[in-house]
């Protein structure tokens, strides 16, 4: 075995050992998905996954099964969507090839028709043309015209079919694209879409000198809902917060669920005053809803959220803006939860648990 193979083998075992250590330290279990996430993390092959893991494990927190599933789906397992897009692309290419064949036939038929007309035109110019030959020319012209008309009708029918097929394929591609950017539980943007839109908002703010704000909100005591009432109720809480966000945030914003119980609102063009008003609106609206267990009708009490706001500052990157909003959200929790904190003055989080 070559030295290069020894190095690759030793490195892979070292990465595997480090991945196992992190699974023990941060949980939640040693499932294949968890191993894949941690191995990819220590290998450093997906910088965005590494950033997401670091964000989720801040303040000594571990990962949950939900976190692992979301990280795996967002950063590792793109195969299903890639396969769907690949299958659609193959069908699209086959459809285009069929159209090209029909066009080739049509062009050939048209060229042949043109040549026939040229020959017939020459015959008509002859002074010796008699009545019999004239009939032959007319009959040939009628026959050739019918053939071309038939080919054109066939082409038209095929083009109509192809248009329908291509429209269906376009819808399939669009549905696949949307699915790849959407959180399946809440219908909000997922982590990938959130990061893309945050990057665009920061770039626009830097280029145009316009304000741009980011709101991060986290459901208070969410683990209690899951532990006390089960994951189905926890999912109901997540959907409730998503509904409230849709009801209270206007067009132009990006609404996302980018963590287990963590949500984001990207507000391009919005200053601190507007962002604060939106955050308060979301907070009070969530607090005003009563959670009811669907299976029994039992009241489960109120849900509250803590929100942090960061306004774009010169030199900000998407990461720095998100970190500042996160710090403000943690400060809101430290101050008693169910409140909004912005970055008008940097919060002191030295003893936040």
Foldseek 3Di string as FASTA:
>chain_A
DDPVVVVVVVVLVVLQVQLVVLCVQAHDDDDPLSSVLSSCLSVVPFVVSVLLCCVCCPPNHHDDPVQSVQSCLQPPPPPVLVVLLVVLVVVLVVLVVVLVVLVVVLVVLVVVLVVLVVVLVVQVPDPPDDPVVVVVSVVVNVVSVVVSVVSVVVSVVSVVVSVVVVVVSVVSNVVSVQVSQADVLQRAGEQVVVLVVLQVLLVCCQVPVAKKKKKKKFWPPLVCCCVPPNVVLSSVLLNLLSVLLVVQDDPPWGWYDYGDRMIMIIGRRDDPVVVQVSVLSSFVVQQPDWRADPVPRHTPGGIGMFMEMEMDDPPDGSSNNVVQRVQQSLVCVVVPGSYYGYVPDRDDCPPRD
